[in-house]
Protein backbone atom coordinates (compact mmCIF):
# COMPACT_ATOMS: atom_id res chain seq x y z
CA MET A 1 111.46 150.24 132.89
CA ARG A 2 111.60 152.43 135.99
CA PRO A 3 108.77 153.04 138.49
CA SER A 4 106.82 156.25 137.93
CA ASN A 5 103.40 157.75 138.61
CA GLU A 6 102.62 158.31 134.94
CA TRP A 7 100.17 156.22 132.97
CA GLN A 8 101.72 154.51 129.97
CA ARG A 9 100.31 153.06 126.77
CA VAL A 10 101.39 149.94 124.96
CA SER A 11 102.44 149.77 121.33
CA PRO A 12 99.69 150.28 118.71
CA ILE A 13 100.61 146.81 117.41
CA ALA A 14 98.86 145.53 120.57
CA THR A 15 95.59 146.01 118.67
CA VAL A 16 96.39 142.64 117.07
CA TYR A 17 96.43 141.10 120.56
CA PHE A 18 93.04 142.62 121.39
CA PHE A 19 91.70 141.44 118.02
CA VAL A 20 92.79 137.84 118.66
CA LYS A 21 91.38 138.05 122.18
CA SER A 22 88.04 139.31 120.83
CA LEU A 23 87.55 136.54 118.27
CA PRO A 24 86.05 134.04 120.77
CA HIS A 25 83.34 136.59 121.56
CA LEU A 26 81.99 136.20 118.04
CA VAL A 27 80.32 133.02 119.30
CA ASN A 28 77.81 135.30 121.05
CA PHE A 29 76.38 136.16 117.61
CA TRP A 30 75.21 132.59 116.99
CA PRO A 31 71.48 133.51 117.33
CA ALA A 32 71.93 135.56 114.16
CA LEU A 33 72.54 132.31 112.26
CA VAL A 34 68.97 131.13 112.88
CA PRO A 35 67.30 133.55 110.43
CA LEU A 36 70.05 132.80 107.90
CA PHE A 37 68.84 129.21 107.64
CA ALA A 38 65.13 129.90 108.12
CA GLY A 39 64.66 133.27 106.43
CA GLY A 40 65.15 132.32 102.81
CA GLU A 41 67.52 133.41 100.08
CA GLN A 42 66.72 137.13 100.34
CA VAL A 43 67.54 137.24 104.07
CA ARG A 44 70.81 135.41 103.51
CA ARG A 45 71.74 137.82 100.71
CA MET A 46 71.05 140.83 102.94
CA ALA A 47 73.00 139.25 105.80
CA LEU A 48 76.03 138.72 103.59
CA THR A 49 75.72 142.20 102.09
CA TYR A 50 75.16 144.20 105.26
CA GLY A 51 75.44 141.89 108.27
CA VAL A 52 78.98 140.58 107.78
CA PRO A 53 80.49 144.06 107.15
CA ALA A 54 78.60 145.40 110.19
CA VAL A 55 79.99 142.66 112.44
CA LEU A 56 83.52 143.25 111.14
CA LEU A 57 83.15 147.00 111.64
CA LEU A 58 81.87 146.46 115.17
CA LEU A 59 84.80 144.15 115.87
CA VAL A 60 87.35 146.65 114.56
CA VAL A 61 85.83 149.53 116.55
CA GLY A 62 85.72 147.39 119.69
CA VAL A 63 89.36 146.41 119.27
CA PHE A 64 90.44 150.01 118.80
CA LEU A 65 88.48 151.13 121.88
CA GLN A 66 90.01 148.31 123.97
CA TYR A 67 93.46 149.50 122.95
CA TRP A 68 92.63 153.16 123.54
CA PHE A 69 91.29 152.60 127.06
CA PHE A 70 94.11 150.22 128.08
CA SER A 71 96.94 151.76 130.09
CA PHE A 72 99.22 150.76 132.93
CA LYS A 73 101.32 152.36 135.63
CA VAL A 74 104.42 150.87 137.26
CA GLU A 75 104.80 152.18 140.80
CA GLU A 76 107.38 151.41 143.43
CA LYS A 77 105.67 148.30 144.79
CA ARG A 78 102.66 147.65 142.57
CA LEU A 79 101.41 147.49 139.02
CA THR A 80 98.08 149.11 138.12
CA LEU A 81 96.07 148.52 134.95
CA ARG A 82 93.09 150.36 133.52
CA SER A 83 91.01 148.57 130.90
CA GLY A 84 87.48 148.14 129.60
CA VAL A 85 85.26 150.24 127.37
CA LEU A 86 81.77 150.31 128.87
CA ASN A 87 82.66 148.36 132.00
CA ARG A 88 85.76 150.19 133.20
CA LYS A 89 88.17 148.17 135.34
CA ARG A 90 91.09 149.16 137.50
CA LEU A 91 93.30 146.28 138.69
CA THR A 92 96.16 146.66 141.15
CA LEU A 93 98.73 143.91 141.69
CA ASP A 94 101.22 144.19 144.54
CA PHE A 95 104.65 142.91 143.61
CA GLU A 96 104.94 140.94 146.85
CA ARG A 97 101.97 138.78 145.76
CA VAL A 98 103.53 137.82 142.43
CA GLN A 99 104.44 134.16 142.16
CA GLN A 100 105.52 133.92 138.55
CA ALA A 101 106.10 136.26 135.63
CA ASP A 102 105.90 134.73 132.15
CA ILE A 103 106.81 136.30 128.82
CA ALA A 104 105.08 135.19 125.62
CA HIS A 105 106.32 136.04 122.13
CA PRO A 106 103.28 135.55 119.84
CA PHE A 107 103.97 135.21 116.14
CA TYR A 108 102.21 138.50 115.41
CA PHE A 109 104.53 140.35 117.84
CA ARG A 110 107.84 138.76 116.88
CA PRO A 111 108.44 140.81 113.67
CA PHE A 112 108.11 143.96 115.79
CA ASN A 113 110.26 142.69 118.69
CA LEU A 114 107.29 142.90 121.07
CA ALA A 115 106.06 140.53 123.80
CA THR A 116 103.22 139.93 126.25
CA LEU A 117 104.05 139.94 129.95
CA GLY A 118 101.78 137.99 132.29
CA PHE A 119 101.81 137.70 136.09
CA GLU A 120 100.43 135.05 138.42
CA SER A 121 99.60 136.03 141.98
CA ALA A 122 98.99 134.02 145.16
CA GLY A 123 95.71 132.10 145.05
CA SER A 124 95.01 132.96 141.43
CA ALA A 125 93.49 130.35 139.13
CA GLN A 126 94.92 132.09 136.08
CA GLN A 127 97.11 135.00 135.08
CA GLU A 128 95.54 138.08 136.65
CA VAL A 129 97.55 140.62 134.69
CA ASP A 130 98.50 140.60 131.01
CA VAL A 131 100.41 143.52 129.54
CA PRO A 132 100.60 143.10 125.74
CA GLY A 133 102.63 145.08 123.24
CA LEU A 134 105.71 145.77 125.35
CA SER A 135 109.12 145.75 123.77
CA VAL A 136 111.15 142.69 124.69
CA ALA A 137 113.61 144.84 126.66
CA GLU A 138 110.80 146.55 128.59
CA ALA A 139 109.12 143.22 129.33
CA GLU A 140 112.36 141.70 130.59
CA ASN A 141 113.15 144.74 132.75
CA LEU A 142 109.65 144.86 134.24
CA ARG A 143 109.70 141.12 134.86
CA ARG A 144 113.07 141.36 136.60
CA LEU A 145 111.88 144.33 138.69
CA VAL A 146 108.73 142.53 139.82
CA LEU A 147 110.52 139.28 140.67
CA GLU A 148 113.24 141.11 142.60
CA GLN A 149 110.59 142.95 144.62
CA ALA A 150 108.75 139.70 145.28
CA ALA A 151 111.97 137.93 146.29
CA SER A 152 112.94 140.73 148.68
CA SER A 153 109.51 140.63 150.35
CA GLN A 154 109.82 136.86 150.74
CA ALA A 155 113.28 137.26 152.24
CA ASP A 156 111.77 139.63 154.81
CA VAL A 157 109.55 136.82 156.06
CA GLY A 158 112.32 134.27 156.26
CA GLU A 159 112.52 132.77 152.76
CA THR A 160 115.94 132.62 151.18
CA SER A 161 116.40 132.97 147.44
CA ASN A 162 119.85 134.25 146.62
CA VAL A 163 120.10 132.64 143.20
CA THR A 164 119.42 134.82 140.17
CA GLU A 165 117.89 133.54 136.97
CA GLU A 166 120.95 134.70 134.99
CA ALA A 167 123.16 132.20 136.82
CA ALA A 168 124.26 128.98 135.15
CA PRO A 169 121.49 126.39 135.47
CA ASP A 170 121.96 123.56 137.97
CA PHE A 171 119.86 121.29 135.75
CA SER A 172 119.14 121.54 132.03
CA LEU A 173 117.03 119.44 129.67
CA ARG A 174 116.40 119.99 125.96
CA LEU A 175 113.94 118.08 123.79
CA SER A 176 114.91 117.33 120.21
CA PRO A 177 112.34 117.60 117.38
CA ALA A 178 112.23 113.79 117.25
CA GLU A 179 111.12 113.68 120.91
CA ILE A 180 108.43 116.27 120.25
CA VAL A 181 107.18 114.17 117.32
CA ARG A 182 106.87 111.27 119.76
CA TYR A 183 104.79 113.52 122.02
CA GLY A 184 102.48 114.23 119.08
CA LEU A 185 102.01 110.49 118.62
CA MET A 186 101.50 109.93 122.35
CA HIS A 187 99.08 112.77 123.01
CA ASN A 188 96.77 112.75 119.99
CA THR A 189 93.65 114.40 121.42
CA LEU A 190 92.32 114.93 117.88
CA LEU A 191 91.35 111.24 117.79
CA TYR A 192 88.54 112.07 120.22
CA LEU A 193 86.97 114.11 117.41
CA ALA A 194 86.58 111.01 115.22
CA PRO A 195 83.20 109.93 116.73
CA LEU A 196 81.86 113.40 115.95
CA THR A 197 82.11 112.56 112.24
CA ALA A 198 79.44 109.84 112.57
CA PRO A 199 76.55 112.24 111.77
CA LEU A 200 78.38 113.10 108.54
CA GLY A 201 77.93 109.54 107.27
CA GLN A 202 74.93 110.57 105.14
CA TYR A 203 77.20 112.97 103.27
CA ILE A 204 80.30 110.77 103.22
CA GLY A 205 78.44 107.84 101.61
CA PRO A 206 77.45 109.67 98.38
CA LEU A 207 80.86 111.33 98.30
CA LEU A 208 82.54 107.92 98.53
CA GLU A 209 80.34 106.56 95.72
CA SER A 210 81.18 109.51 93.48
CA SER A 211 84.86 109.05 94.29
CA VAL A 212 84.65 105.38 93.29
CA ALA A 213 82.98 106.34 90.03
CA SER A 214 85.67 108.89 89.22
CA LEU A 215 88.47 106.40 89.95
CA GLU A 216 87.13 103.53 87.87
CA HIS A 217 89.24 104.36 84.81
CA SER A 218 92.41 105.48 86.65
CA GLN A 219 95.57 103.56 87.47
CA VAL A 220 94.95 104.07 91.19
CA TYR A 221 91.69 102.15 90.89
CA GLY A 222 93.65 99.23 89.51
CA VAL A 223 95.60 99.02 92.77
CA PHE A 224 92.38 98.87 94.80
CA THR A 225 91.00 96.24 92.42
CA TRP A 226 94.14 94.11 92.85
CA VAL A 227 93.85 94.33 96.66
CA SER A 228 90.14 93.49 96.43
CA ASP A 229 90.80 90.41 94.29
CA ASN A 230 93.55 89.09 96.54
CA LEU A 231 91.61 89.63 99.77
CA ALA A 232 88.29 88.48 98.30
CA VAL A 233 86.46 91.60 99.48
CA SER A 234 84.57 94.33 97.67
CA VAL A 235 86.34 97.36 96.24
CA THR A 236 84.05 99.64 98.25
CA LEU A 237 85.25 98.02 101.49
CA VAL A 238 88.87 98.46 100.43
CA LEU A 239 88.25 102.13 99.66
CA ALA A 240 86.47 102.60 103.02
CA LEU A 241 89.38 101.02 104.89
CA PHE A 242 91.80 103.20 102.93
CA ALA A 243 89.73 106.29 103.84
CA VAL A 244 89.82 105.35 107.53
CA LEU A 245 93.58 104.78 107.35
CA ALA A 246 94.10 108.08 105.54
CA GLY A 247 91.92 109.92 108.09
CA THR A 248 93.78 108.41 111.02
CA THR A 249 97.12 109.30 109.42
CA LEU A 250 95.88 112.85 108.89
CA LEU A 251 94.85 113.17 112.56
CA PHE A 252 98.23 111.91 113.74
CA GLY A 253 99.94 114.29 111.34
CA LEU A 254 97.96 117.25 112.66
CA SER A 255 98.73 116.19 116.22
CA ILE A 256 102.45 116.12 115.41
CA VAL A 257 102.25 119.57 113.81
CA LEU A 258 100.46 121.01 116.86
CA ALA A 259 103.05 119.43 119.15
CA LEU A 260 105.89 120.99 117.16
CA VAL A 261 104.19 124.39 117.21
CA ARG A 262 103.64 124.22 120.96
CA PHE A 263 106.90 122.65 122.20
CA TRP A 264 109.49 123.46 119.53
CA GLY A 265 112.86 124.18 121.14
CA TYR A 266 111.69 123.01 124.57
CA HIS A 267 114.34 123.87 127.16
CA LEU A 268 113.85 123.07 130.85
CA THR A 269 116.22 124.55 133.43
CA ARG A 270 116.53 124.70 137.20
CA VAL A 271 118.38 127.55 138.89
CA GLY A 272 118.29 127.13 142.65
CA ASP A 273 114.74 126.19 143.53
CA ARG A 274 113.20 127.75 140.40
CA PHE A 275 112.16 125.55 137.45
CA GLN A 276 111.47 127.18 134.11
CA TYR A 277 110.91 126.08 130.55
CA ARG A 278 110.90 127.98 127.27
CA ALA A 279 109.20 126.55 124.19
CA GLY A 280 107.16 127.40 121.14
CA LEU A 281 107.46 127.83 117.38
CA THR A 282 105.01 130.58 116.45
CA THR A 283 104.46 131.80 120.03
CA ILE A 284 107.43 131.40 122.36
CA ARG A 285 106.40 131.07 126.00
CA THR A 286 108.28 130.89 129.25
CA ARG A 287 106.68 129.29 132.28
CA GLY A 288 108.10 128.45 135.68
CA PHE A 289 107.55 127.81 139.34
CA LYS A 290 109.49 127.50 142.57
CA HIS A 291 109.89 124.08 144.10
CA TYR A 292 108.17 124.96 147.37
CA LYS A 293 105.00 125.90 145.43
CA LEU A 294 104.63 122.41 144.00
CA GLN A 295 101.22 120.88 144.77
CA LYS A 296 101.14 117.65 142.78
CA VAL A 297 103.30 115.70 140.36
CA THR A 298 101.61 113.45 137.80
CA ILE A 299 103.60 110.94 135.74
CA ILE A 300 101.68 109.47 132.80
CA GLN A 301 102.44 106.66 130.38
CA GLY A 302 99.58 105.80 128.05
CA VAL A 303 99.29 102.98 125.54
CA MET A 304 101.16 104.74 122.74
CA ALA A 305 103.72 106.12 125.20
CA ARG A 306 104.41 102.61 126.44
CA LEU A 307 105.06 101.45 122.89
CA LEU A 308 107.44 104.38 122.44
CA ARG A 309 108.95 103.90 125.93
CA ARG A 310 108.29 107.50 126.88
CA HIS A 311 106.60 109.32 129.76
CA ARG A 312 104.88 112.64 130.38
CA VAL A 313 105.09 114.73 133.55
CA LEU A 314 102.58 117.35 134.74
CA ILE A 315 103.38 119.57 137.73
CA SER A 316 100.61 121.47 139.47
CA LYS A 317 101.77 124.55 141.32
CA ALA A 318 100.20 126.84 143.87
CA GLY A 319 97.58 128.98 142.23
CA SER A 320 96.95 126.59 139.33
CA PHE A 321 93.74 125.09 140.70
CA GLY A 322 90.39 126.13 139.35
CA ALA A 323 88.41 125.40 136.23
CA ALA A 324 89.56 122.40 134.24
CA GLN A 325 90.60 124.37 131.14
CA VAL A 326 92.44 127.00 133.18
CA GLN A 327 94.02 124.28 135.28
CA ASN A 328 95.41 122.47 132.25
CA ASN A 329 96.70 125.68 130.73
CA GLN A 330 98.55 126.69 133.89
CA ARG A 331 100.18 123.35 134.67
CA PHE A 332 103.92 123.09 134.26
CA GLU A 333 104.45 120.36 131.67
CA VAL A 334 107.37 118.23 130.57
CA PRO A 335 105.80 116.67 127.47
CA VAL A 336 108.01 113.66 126.80
CA LEU A 337 110.82 111.92 128.70
CA ASP A 338 112.73 108.71 128.23
CA ILE A 339 113.47 106.61 131.28
CA ILE A 340 116.88 108.20 131.94
CA ASN A 341 115.60 111.79 131.85
CA LEU A 342 112.57 110.74 133.89
CA LEU A 343 114.84 109.41 136.64
CA LEU A 344 116.89 112.62 136.51
CA LEU A 345 113.76 114.78 136.79
CA ARG A 346 112.42 112.65 139.64
CA GLY A 347 115.65 113.35 141.48
CA GLU A 348 115.32 117.09 140.83
CA LEU A 349 111.77 117.00 142.23
CA SER A 350 112.90 114.90 145.24
CA LEU A 351 110.56 112.02 144.35
CA PRO A 352 111.65 108.78 146.07
CA SER A 353 111.73 105.35 144.51
CA ALA A 354 108.35 103.83 145.35
CA GLN A 355 107.59 100.38 146.73
CA TRP A 356 103.91 100.09 145.90
CA GLN A 357 101.46 98.48 148.32
CA SER A 358 98.36 96.75 147.00
CA VAL A 359 94.85 97.41 148.22
CA SER A 360 92.41 94.67 149.25
CA ARG A 361 91.35 92.09 146.65
CA PHE A 362 87.79 93.16 147.37
CA TYR A 363 88.51 95.94 144.86
CA GLN A 364 88.33 93.36 142.05
CA VAL A 365 86.29 90.54 143.61
CA PHE A 366 83.03 92.41 144.20
CA PRO A 367 82.71 93.95 140.68
CA VAL A 368 83.57 90.60 139.10
CA LEU A 369 80.97 88.78 141.20
CA LEU A 370 78.34 91.42 140.49
CA LEU A 371 78.97 91.39 136.74
CA SER A 372 79.04 87.57 136.77
CA VAL A 373 75.60 87.41 138.37
CA VAL A 374 74.20 90.00 135.95
CA ALA A 375 75.73 88.22 132.93
CA SER A 376 74.43 84.83 134.10
CA VAL A 377 70.89 86.15 134.59
CA CYS A 378 70.92 87.82 131.16
CA ALA A 379 72.26 84.66 129.53
CA LEU A 380 69.56 82.56 131.26
CA ILE A 381 66.80 84.88 130.07
CA ALA A 382 68.24 84.90 126.55
CA TRP A 383 68.42 81.09 126.63
CA PHE A 384 64.63 80.87 126.89
CA ALA A 385 64.32 83.40 124.06
CA VAL A 386 66.89 82.28 121.46
CA GLY A 387 68.13 78.92 122.76
CA ALA A 388 71.39 77.51 124.03
CA LEU A 389 73.37 79.79 121.71
CA ALA A 390 72.84 82.61 124.23
CA LEU A 391 75.09 80.80 126.73
CA LEU A 392 78.05 81.77 124.57
CA GLY A 393 77.77 85.18 126.24
CA LEU A 394 79.19 83.62 129.39
CA LEU A 395 82.53 83.45 127.59
CA LEU A 396 82.85 87.15 128.41
CA LEU A 397 83.25 86.36 132.11
CA PRO A 398 86.95 85.34 131.87
CA ILE A 399 87.64 88.56 129.94
CA ILE A 400 85.92 90.60 132.67
CA TYR A 401 87.92 88.82 135.35
CA VAL A 402 91.23 89.41 133.54
CA CYS A 403 90.42 93.13 133.07
CA TYR A 404 89.63 93.70 136.76
CA TRP A 405 92.58 91.56 137.85
CA ARG A 406 94.86 93.72 135.69
CA ARG A 407 93.41 96.92 137.15
CA TRP A 408 93.95 95.59 140.65
CA CYS A 409 97.56 94.64 139.86
CA CYS A 410 98.25 98.16 138.55
CA LEU A 411 96.62 99.84 141.56
CA GLY A 412 98.92 100.67 144.46
CA PHE A 413 99.80 103.39 146.95
CA TYR A 414 103.02 104.53 148.59
CA ARG A 415 103.67 106.57 151.70
CA SER A 416 107.07 108.14 152.40
CA ALA A 417 108.26 110.78 154.80
CA ASP A 418 107.16 113.66 152.54
CA TRP A 419 104.97 112.13 149.83
CA LEU A 420 101.74 110.21 149.32
CA ALA A 421 101.43 108.54 145.92
CA LEU A 422 98.76 106.57 144.06
CA ARG A 423 99.39 104.47 140.96
CA THR A 424 96.59 103.41 138.57
CA GLY A 425 96.45 101.99 135.08
CA PHE A 426 95.57 99.11 132.80
CA ILE A 427 98.14 98.91 129.99
CA GLY A 428 99.99 102.11 130.81
CA PHE A 429 99.99 103.81 134.20
CA THR A 430 99.42 107.12 135.97
CA GLU A 431 101.26 108.09 139.16
CA ARG A 432 100.02 110.97 141.33
CA TRP A 433 102.37 112.33 143.98
CA LEU A 434 101.17 114.71 146.71
CA PRO A 435 103.44 116.44 149.26
CA THR A 436 101.91 115.37 152.55
CA GLY A 437 102.54 118.65 154.36
CA LYS A 438 100.29 120.53 151.92
CA LEU A 439 97.18 118.37 152.15
CA GLN A 440 94.04 120.39 152.82
CA LYS A 441 91.56 117.74 153.90
CA ILE A 442 91.72 114.05 154.86
CA ARG A 443 88.69 111.79 155.26
CA VAL A 444 88.05 108.09 155.83
CA VAL A 445 84.90 106.93 154.02
CA ALA A 446 83.10 103.62 154.62
CA THR A 447 80.28 102.53 152.34
CA PRO A 448 77.63 100.09 153.71
CA LEU A 449 79.08 97.25 151.63
CA SER A 450 82.76 97.88 152.38
CA ARG A 451 81.94 98.24 156.10
CA CYS A 452 80.76 94.62 156.12
CA PHE A 453 84.24 93.51 155.07
CA GLY A 454 86.16 95.90 157.35
CA LEU A 455 87.31 98.11 154.47
CA VAL A 456 87.23 101.88 153.92
CA HIS A 457 88.35 104.44 151.35
CA LEU A 458 90.94 107.12 152.20
CA GLN A 459 90.27 110.46 150.51
CA VAL A 460 92.80 113.30 150.54
CA TRP A 461 92.30 116.80 149.14
CA SER A 462 95.08 118.99 147.80
CA ALA A 463 95.10 122.28 145.92
CA ASP A 464 94.75 120.21 142.74
CA GLY A 465 91.70 118.16 143.61
CA VAL A 466 90.90 114.96 145.48
CA MET A 467 92.72 111.61 145.42
CA THR A 468 91.08 108.40 146.69
CA ILE A 469 92.85 105.24 147.83
CA PRO A 470 90.13 102.54 147.80
CA CYS A 471 89.61 99.33 149.79
CA LEU A 472 92.01 99.76 152.70
CA PRO A 473 91.70 97.90 156.02
CA VAL A 474 90.24 100.18 158.69
CA THR A 475 93.35 100.01 160.89
CA LEU A 476 95.72 100.88 158.03
CA ALA A 477 93.50 103.73 156.81
CA ASN A 478 93.31 105.24 160.29
CA GLN A 479 97.09 105.00 160.67
CA LEU A 480 97.62 106.73 157.33
CA ARG A 481 95.11 109.44 158.24
CA ASP A 482 96.77 110.13 161.61
CA SER A 483 100.29 110.22 160.13
CA LEU A 484 99.19 112.54 157.32
CA LEU A 485 97.51 114.88 159.79
CA THR A 486 100.72 114.92 161.80
CA ASP A 487 102.68 115.93 158.70
CA VAL A 488 100.21 118.75 157.98
CA VAL A 489 100.45 120.06 161.55
CA ASN A 490 104.24 119.89 161.59
CA TYR A 491 104.70 121.52 158.17
CA ARG A 492 106.34 124.90 158.70
CA ARG A 493 107.57 125.83 155.23
CA ALA A 494 105.88 128.19 152.78
CA TRP A 495 103.83 126.64 150.00
CA LEU A 496 102.01 129.55 148.36
């Protein structure tokens, strides 16, 4: 695709992209559901007869108008887009501001050999420009043109980037389907939806009773009866436990399917200072960043990941800060790593081997003492109400102490020449690594209680939020603050 002053249209197949993009806006019609439930059978019949077709017609017309009014122009040093139906927009993106160009191959474009090209610019919290419905060749050519223009402008200001993306990668990592299945087991966010099913108990109960009645004369019911007789519990309890087990299995299965759809064929490469991965089953995406734009590295090992001996790495880059949902979508992610690949990736990211320093024991002593006093007072009050049996509640105090002692043992910080790191956890762990030269704000905070013990909290802000190192001696915190400020002042390299 060559620069020109002519406005161009995308493929008519891009109407599918605008249709998918318009679906979330249907939520705005939720007030129309109120009369459906309160207006009676006649209103619901009219809504189904006339309302649903009207909404679909409005959606189709809106999608067609979005496509019709969407056009773009590729000039010598900028890309200009025109979009919008009633609220017309004209967006201009200079090539020199482009940080990353990503190509997505949605499932609805792949049969037609089309793609969506998205650009991230300096200081953007999300992709500012999306050009859907381009042929794969046009998308690749435009992406290469934009990145070459951006690289040449960076070279003019002293940045060197002589390595092309077509060169052989200096580092390569592929994830097998088995590793992606492990990620699905590790990162099962669908389990958080389980508590939302509690209000459905009034419907699940009768359904469970009807299911028991229908199974009474089947061979499957004989299995449940045998388990009930051997465990000396009711058949209903066995069926309930089986339902919970089946539901949990279903959630893990869905999580594995979503992981395979998102990260199928994951391939991470590094060419020069540019990291890039390509992954996806239905929608193939490419995402990348340059090493000097790195803002934070997060290494996570949860409970399930510890059982599987795997880790997850999130990399925040310049321009990825902002709203939580946007932030998570724009992070560069390596979903699952064994210990060998984790050590290799740490070397590629220049992360040193950490020797963690503990914070003051006040971090665990004060909460334990406070909870001990509260528990003792509650147990004493309950003793007068229900008798000496209430003192059994004091048995929780050793459990509280062990929990806070474990949290204190897992808490540590590390300071190297170029990095500041904080490690937290209980069973697993989370490590957060910040490049010290890119810190935006540093503050020493002393609460009235911690001041009595000569302790303070060190808070540091980066482009990806705030990180707090608690319960440090005043002298040590001031030394860390001064050394970090020195690193910020002496930092002369680009980071946006």
